[in-house]
Protein backbone atom coordinates (compact mmCIF):
# COMPACT_ATOMS: atom_id res chain seq x y z
CA UNK A 1 -5.59 -14.31 -10.23
CA UNK A 2 -6.01 -17.93 -9.12
CA UNK A 3 -4.36 -20.46 -11.37
CA UNK A 4 -3.75 -23.55 -9.21
CA UNK A 5 -7.04 -25.33 -9.97
CA UNK A 6 -9.14 -25.89 -13.08
CA UNK A 7 -12.31 -24.85 -11.25
CA UNK A 8 -13.19 -22.31 -8.60
CA UNK A 9 -16.37 -21.70 -6.67
CA UNK A 10 -17.24 -18.09 -5.95
CA UNK A 11 -15.91 -18.27 -2.39
CA UNK A 12 -12.48 -19.47 -3.50
CA UNK A 13 -13.17 -23.14 -2.76
CA UNK A 14 -11.20 -25.33 -5.15
CA UNK A 15 -12.80 -28.36 -6.72
CA UNK A 16 -11.74 -31.02 -9.21
CA UNK A 17 -15.00 -31.47 -11.07
CA UNK A 18 -13.78 -34.55 -12.91
CA UNK A 19 -13.56 -36.34 -9.57
CA UNK A 20 -16.34 -34.24 -8.03
CA UNK A 21 -14.25 -33.90 -4.86
CA UNK A 22 -14.23 -30.58 -3.05
CA UNK A 23 -11.15 -29.59 -1.08
CA UNK A 24 -13.18 -27.30 1.21
CA UNK A 25 -16.81 -28.39 1.55
CA UNK A 26 -19.59 -25.84 1.40
CA UNK A 27 -21.14 -24.88 4.74
CA UNK A 28 -23.92 -27.24 5.78
CA UNK A 29 -25.70 -24.58 7.82
CA UNK A 30 -28.39 -22.46 6.20
CA UNK A 31 -28.95 -20.18 9.17
CA UNK A 32 -29.58 -16.54 8.32
CA UNK A 33 -26.37 -15.13 9.75
CA UNK A 34 -23.54 -13.50 7.85
CA UNK A 35 -20.49 -15.71 8.21
CA UNK A 36 -16.84 -15.47 7.28
CA UNK A 37 -17.71 -17.60 4.23
CA UNK A 38 -20.28 -15.01 3.12
CA UNK A 39 -17.73 -12.21 3.47
CA UNK A 40 -15.17 -14.14 1.39
CA UNK A 41 -17.60 -13.97 -1.55
CA UNK A 42 -17.67 -10.17 -1.70
CA UNK A 43 -15.10 -10.11 -4.48
CA UNK A 44 -13.64 -13.25 -5.99
CA UNK A 45 -12.24 -14.22 -9.36
CA UNK A 46 -10.82 -17.21 -11.19
CA UNK A 47 -8.95 -17.72 -14.47
CA UNK A 48 -7.86 -20.95 -16.14
CA UNK A 49 -4.25 -21.51 -17.17
CA UNK A 50 -4.97 -20.75 -20.82
CA UNK A 51 -7.01 -17.62 -19.92
CA UNK A 52 -10.00 -18.82 -21.94
CA UNK A 53 -12.25 -19.50 -18.94
CA UNK A 54 -12.85 -17.08 -16.06
CA UNK A 55 -15.31 -15.39 -13.79
CA UNK A 56 -15.49 -12.35 -11.55
CA UNK A 57 -18.14 -11.94 -8.85
CA UNK A 58 -18.46 -8.74 -6.82
CA UNK A 59 -20.90 -7.44 -4.21
CA UNK A 60 -21.03 -3.98 -5.84
CA UNK A 61 -21.05 -0.70 -3.95
CA UNK A 62 -24.53 -0.69 -2.38
CA UNK A 63 -24.79 -4.17 -0.83
CA UNK A 64 -22.99 -5.46 2.29
CA UNK A 65 -22.72 -9.02 0.94
CA UNK A 66 -22.66 -10.93 -2.33
CA UNK A 67 -25.77 -13.03 -2.95
CA UNK A 68 -24.55 -14.28 -6.35
CA UNK A 69 -22.82 -17.62 -6.86
CA UNK A 70 -20.80 -18.81 -9.85
CA UNK A 71 -19.44 -22.09 -11.17
CA UNK A 72 -17.04 -22.45 -14.07
CA UNK A 73 -15.16 -25.58 -15.01
CA UNK A 74 -15.14 -28.87 -16.87
CA UNK A 75 -18.22 -30.93 -17.58
CA UNK A 76 -18.16 -34.75 -17.34
CA UNK A 77 -17.36 -34.80 -21.08
CA UNK A 78 -14.33 -32.53 -20.49
CA UNK A 79 -16.16 -29.63 -22.12
CA UNK A 80 -17.05 -26.32 -20.50
CA UNK A 81 -19.76 -25.87 -17.89
CA UNK A 82 -20.83 -22.43 -16.64
CA UNK A 83 -23.49 -21.46 -14.10
CA UNK A 84 -24.55 -18.19 -12.47
CA UNK A 85 -27.14 -17.85 -9.71
CA UNK A 86 -28.45 -14.61 -8.21
CA UNK A 87 -30.10 -15.02 -4.81
CA UNK A 88 -33.43 -13.17 -4.59
CA UNK A 89 -32.74 -10.28 -2.23
CA UNK A 90 -36.22 -10.36 -0.70
CA UNK A 91 -35.80 -14.02 0.27
CA UNK A 92 -34.37 -15.50 3.45
CA UNK A 93 -30.63 -16.21 3.24
CA UNK A 94 -30.35 -15.47 -0.44
CA UNK A 95 -26.59 -16.09 -0.53
CA UNK A 96 -27.05 -19.68 0.61
CA UNK A 97 -29.92 -20.15 -1.86
CA UNK A 98 -27.68 -19.28 -4.81
CA UNK A 99 -24.88 -21.50 -3.47
CA UNK A 100 -27.16 -24.49 -2.95
CA UNK A 101 -28.64 -24.08 -6.44
CA UNK A 102 -25.27 -24.18 -8.22
CA UNK A 103 -23.98 -27.00 -6.00
CA UNK A 104 -27.06 -29.13 -6.61
CA UNK A 105 -27.05 -28.48 -10.36
CA UNK A 106 -23.40 -29.46 -10.80
CA UNK A 107 -23.78 -32.55 -8.58
CA UNK A 108 -26.80 -33.67 -10.61
CA UNK A 109 -24.94 -33.27 -13.91
CA UNK A 110 -22.09 -35.47 -12.73
CA UNK A 111 -24.34 -38.07 -11.15
CA UNK A 112 -26.57 -38.47 -14.23
CA UNK A 113 -24.17 -37.83 -17.11
CA UNK A 114 -24.53 -41.34 -18.60
CA UNK A 115 -28.31 -41.57 -18.51
CA UNK A 116 -29.92 -38.62 -20.26
CA UNK A 117 -29.43 -36.07 -23.06
CA UNK A 118 -27.86 -32.68 -22.42
CA UNK A 119 -31.29 -31.04 -22.49
CA UNK A 120 -32.69 -33.52 -19.96
CA UNK A 121 -29.52 -33.18 -17.89
CA UNK A 122 -29.91 -29.43 -17.45
CA UNK A 123 -33.67 -29.55 -16.96
CA UNK A 124 -33.29 -32.29 -14.35
CA UNK A 125 -30.52 -30.38 -12.61
CA UNK A 126 -32.67 -27.27 -12.35
CA UNK A 127 -35.59 -29.27 -10.99
CA UNK A 128 -33.31 -30.94 -8.44
CA UNK A 129 -32.02 -27.51 -7.38
CA UNK A 130 -35.61 -26.35 -6.91
CA UNK A 131 -36.41 -29.37 -4.74
CA UNK A 132 -33.28 -28.76 -2.66
CA UNK A 133 -34.27 -25.16 -1.92
CA UNK A 134 -37.89 -26.03 -1.19
CA UNK A 135 -36.75 -28.68 1.31
CA UNK A 136 -34.78 -26.16 3.37
CA UNK A 137 -36.35 -25.37 6.73
CA UNK A 138 -37.87 -21.90 6.73
CA UNK A 139 -39.54 -19.99 9.52
CA UNK A 140 -40.72 -16.50 8.73
CA UNK A 141 -38.71 -14.17 10.95
CA UNK A 142 -40.07 -10.66 11.54
CA UNK A 143 -37.67 -8.10 10.09
CA UNK A 144 -38.60 -4.42 10.50
CA UNK A 145 -39.69 -2.98 7.17
CA UNK A 146 -39.27 -6.26 5.26
CA UNK A 147 -41.20 -9.43 4.53
CA UNK A 148 -38.69 -12.19 3.94
CA UNK A 149 -39.79 -14.98 1.62
CA UNK A 150 -38.38 -18.53 1.56
CA UNK A 151 -34.90 -18.97 -0.02
CA UNK A 152 -34.99 -18.40 -3.78
CA UNK A 153 -32.60 -17.66 -6.61
CA UNK A 154 -32.31 -17.21 -10.35
CA UNK A 155 -30.18 -19.73 -12.21
CA UNK A 156 -28.65 -19.85 -15.69
CA UNK A 157 -26.31 -22.55 -16.97
CA UNK A 158 -24.52 -23.33 -20.22
CA UNK A 159 -23.19 -26.80 -21.02
CA UNK A 160 -20.87 -27.17 -23.99
CA UNK A 161 -21.39 -30.32 -26.04
CA UNK A 162 -18.64 -32.32 -27.73
CA UNK A 163 -19.57 -30.85 -31.14
CA UNK A 164 -19.01 -27.30 -29.75
CA UNK A 165 -22.74 -26.62 -29.59
CA UNK A 166 -24.28 -25.45 -26.31
CA UNK A 167 -27.23 -26.46 -24.20
CA UNK A 168 -28.48 -23.53 -22.14
CA UNK A 169 -31.08 -23.50 -19.37
CA UNK A 170 -32.46 -20.76 -17.19
CA UNK A 171 -35.03 -19.64 -14.65
CA UNK A 172 -35.28 -15.95 -13.76
CA UNK A 173 -33.39 -13.03 -15.26
CA UNK A 174 -29.75 -14.08 -15.12
CA UNK A 175 -28.68 -14.21 -18.75
CA UNK A 176 -26.57 -16.01 -21.33
CA UNK A 177 -25.09 -14.19 -24.35
CA UNK A 178 -22.69 -15.05 -27.11
CA UNK A 179 -20.31 -12.68 -28.87
CA UNK A 180 -19.30 -13.62 -32.42
CA UNK A 181 -16.57 -11.04 -32.88
CA UNK A 182 -18.97 -8.32 -33.99
CA UNK A 183 -22.29 -8.61 -32.17
CA UNK A 184 -23.41 -9.54 -28.66
CA UNK A 185 -26.50 -11.74 -28.95
CA UNK A 186 -28.83 -12.67 -26.04
CA UNK A 187 -29.59 -16.38 -25.84
CA UNK A 188 -32.08 -16.29 -22.95
CA UNK A 189 -35.41 -14.56 -22.41
CA UNK A 190 -35.97 -13.05 -18.96
CA UNK A 191 -38.65 -14.37 -16.63
CA UNK A 192 -39.53 -10.85 -15.53
CA UNK A 193 -42.33 -8.33 -15.13
CA UNK A 194 -40.71 -6.17 -17.80
CA UNK A 195 -40.71 -8.91 -20.44
CA UNK A 196 -44.25 -9.94 -19.54
CA UNK A 197 -45.83 -6.49 -19.92
CA UNK A 198 -43.76 -5.53 -22.97
CA UNK A 199 -44.52 -8.82 -24.76
CA UNK A 200 -48.22 -8.32 -24.02
CA UNK A 201 -48.10 -4.81 -25.52
CA UNK A 202 -49.32 -3.26 -22.29
CA UNK A 203 -46.44 -0.79 -21.96
CA UNK A 204 -43.39 0.35 -23.92
CA UNK A 205 -40.00 -1.12 -23.05
CA UNK A 206 -38.73 2.34 -22.17
CA UNK A 207 -41.54 2.88 -19.67
CA UNK A 208 -41.21 -0.64 -18.28
CA UNK A 209 -37.48 -0.25 -17.69
CA UNK A 210 -38.13 3.03 -15.87
CA UNK A 211 -40.67 1.40 -13.55
CA UNK A 212 -39.92 0.40 -9.98
CA UNK A 213 -40.92 -3.12 -11.05
CA UNK A 214 -38.30 -3.25 -13.80
CA UNK A 215 -36.18 -5.88 -12.03
CA UNK A 216 -39.07 -7.92 -10.59
CA UNK A 217 -38.87 -11.56 -11.68
CA UNK A 218 -41.78 -13.89 -12.36
CA UNK A 219 -39.93 -17.22 -11.95
CA UNK A 220 -37.27 -18.40 -9.52
CA UNK A 221 -35.74 -21.57 -8.17
CA UNK A 222 -37.13 -22.19 -4.67
CA UNK A 223 -40.53 -20.47 -4.87
CA UNK A 224 -42.78 -22.74 -2.81
CA UNK A 225 -46.11 -21.76 -4.32
CA UNK A 226 -45.07 -22.28 -7.95
CA UNK A 227 -42.87 -24.85 -9.68
CA UNK A 228 -40.54 -22.96 -12.02
CA UNK A 229 -40.79 -23.38 -15.78
CA UNK A 230 -37.27 -24.39 -16.76
CA UNK A 231 -36.48 -23.34 -20.30
CA UNK A 232 -33.74 -25.16 -22.19
CA UNK A 233 -32.43 -24.37 -25.67
CA UNK A 234 -29.79 -25.80 -27.99
CA UNK A 235 -27.44 -23.37 -29.68
CA UNK A 236 -24.75 -24.09 -32.27
CA UNK A 237 -22.61 -21.09 -33.24
CA UNK A 238 -21.47 -20.98 -36.84
CA UNK A 239 -18.07 -19.64 -35.80
CA UNK A 240 -15.97 -19.47 -32.61
CA UNK A 241 -17.73 -17.54 -29.89
CA UNK A 242 -17.37 -15.89 -26.52
CA UNK A 243 -19.98 -17.33 -24.17
CA UNK A 244 -21.03 -15.01 -21.33
CA UNK A 245 -23.30 -15.69 -18.37
CA UNK A 246 -24.15 -12.85 -15.99
CA UNK A 247 -26.48 -11.65 -13.27
CA UNK A 248 -28.72 -8.61 -13.69
CA UNK A 249 -26.20 -6.51 -11.79
CA UNK A 250 -24.41 -6.28 -15.14
CA UNK A 251 -27.01 -6.00 -17.89
CA UNK A 252 -29.43 -4.00 -15.74
CA UNK A 253 -27.06 -1.04 -15.45
CA UNK A 254 -24.89 -1.19 -18.58
CA UNK A 255 -26.41 -0.64 -22.01
CA UNK A 256 -26.17 -3.33 -24.67
CA UNK A 257 -23.92 -1.26 -26.93
CA UNK A 258 -21.50 -0.57 -24.09
CA UNK A 259 -21.39 -4.25 -23.12
CA UNK A 260 -20.58 -5.14 -26.71
CA UNK A 261 -17.81 -2.56 -26.94
CA UNK A 262 -16.18 -3.64 -23.67
CA UNK A 263 -16.10 -7.28 -24.75
CA UNK A 264 -14.81 -6.40 -28.22
CA UNK A 265 -12.08 -4.10 -26.86
CA UNK A 266 -10.82 -6.49 -24.18
CA UNK A 267 -10.94 -9.48 -26.50
CA UNK A 268 -8.88 -7.76 -29.17
CA UNK A 269 -6.42 -6.22 -26.69
CA UNK A 270 -5.92 -9.06 -24.18
CA UNK A 271 -7.54 -12.30 -25.46
CA UNK A 272 -8.15 -12.97 -21.73
CA UNK A 273 -11.48 -14.14 -20.31
CA UNK A 274 -10.53 -12.71 -16.92
CA UNK A 275 -9.76 -9.27 -18.35
CA UNK A 276 -13.13 -9.25 -20.14
CA UNK A 277 -15.01 -10.27 -16.99
CA UNK A 278 -13.17 -7.77 -14.80
CA UNK A 279 -13.72 -4.91 -17.25
CA UNK A 280 -17.45 -5.65 -17.29
CA UNK A 281 -17.66 -5.76 -13.48
CA UNK A 282 -15.67 -2.52 -13.26
CA UNK A 283 -18.12 -0.88 -15.66
CA UNK A 284 -21.07 -1.95 -13.51
CA UNK A 285 -19.41 -0.52 -10.41
CA UNK A 286 -18.47 2.68 -12.25
CA UNK A 287 -22.16 3.01 -13.12
CA UNK A 288 -23.00 3.08 -9.43
CA UNK A 289 -22.52 -0.50 -8.26
CA UNK A 290 -26.23 -0.77 -7.48
CA UNK A 291 -26.28 -4.57 -7.25
CA UNK A 292 -24.14 -7.65 -6.90
CA UNK A 293 -22.58 -8.38 -10.28
CA UNK A 294 -21.21 -11.66 -11.61
CA UNK A 295 -19.79 -12.48 -15.03
CA UNK A 296 -18.58 -15.86 -16.33
CA UNK A 297 -16.70 -15.92 -19.65
CA UNK A 298 -15.54 -18.69 -21.97
CA UNK A 299 -13.57 -17.93 -25.16
CA UNK A 300 -13.82 -20.82 -27.60
CA UNK A 301 -10.91 -20.00 -29.91
CA UNK A 302 -9.48 -16.47 -29.57
CA UNK A 303 -7.14 -16.79 -32.57
CA UNK A 304 -9.87 -17.87 -35.02
CA UNK A 305 -12.39 -15.48 -33.45
CA UNK A 306 -10.07 -12.53 -34.04
CA UNK A 307 -9.18 -13.69 -37.52
């Protein structure tokens, strides 16, 4: 457990977000080679001093590297900021795509905090992340059995406002949920083939989720032929909440009821964001570890939430 910094990137890099100064800069190279930095992301965790803010990111059991990236920490208003990105596995250098997306989003939020609303701040940050990925040099490299696309990633972020409401934005199928002590409630709507065909009434959800296209996404940051539709919502819980952001390596392999029970159990037994996140990642790996899995957790007020 890392407790010497308020914020941790998913490779262990420490950063003071209030000063926006990184103690170990991200790699500037976006070449498609696995580096020591990539390997350091295979399993990493962070927990704040008060144990209310944490994340765990793990490569799972079937992948050689972790293409997810996570940011948790303080916003410019000293409230909580969470972000999870899941590099598209069919894209070139997906792990650097997810890293660049979170880096660009956070930088944009700090650079523009005095000029726009929270909704405009997140939407602008997502659009800036998209431009950053599109501007990366990309040359299609023949890979036997694969067609690599330009760097792309999902991205979901939650920005807490000073009145304890949340502004949440997303592109792709990384999700945001809140847990109110009893129920786990999705706050985002996947940009995915499954949601498209189910919403159109073309196929049942059961059949869609059994399809080989079940995890295909319809929107991503970095797609060069289509500007992503960034969706932003405002959410104000009527009681203290647990905010959770995660990649599809969690919700795609663990049922909703089981997710709810794990969060409820760990919250009541430990009141620790790290213990909740780790238990969820462990459950995904126990279910086969089919994908990278990342979970970011913020507990607003554990005492009142449990009361």
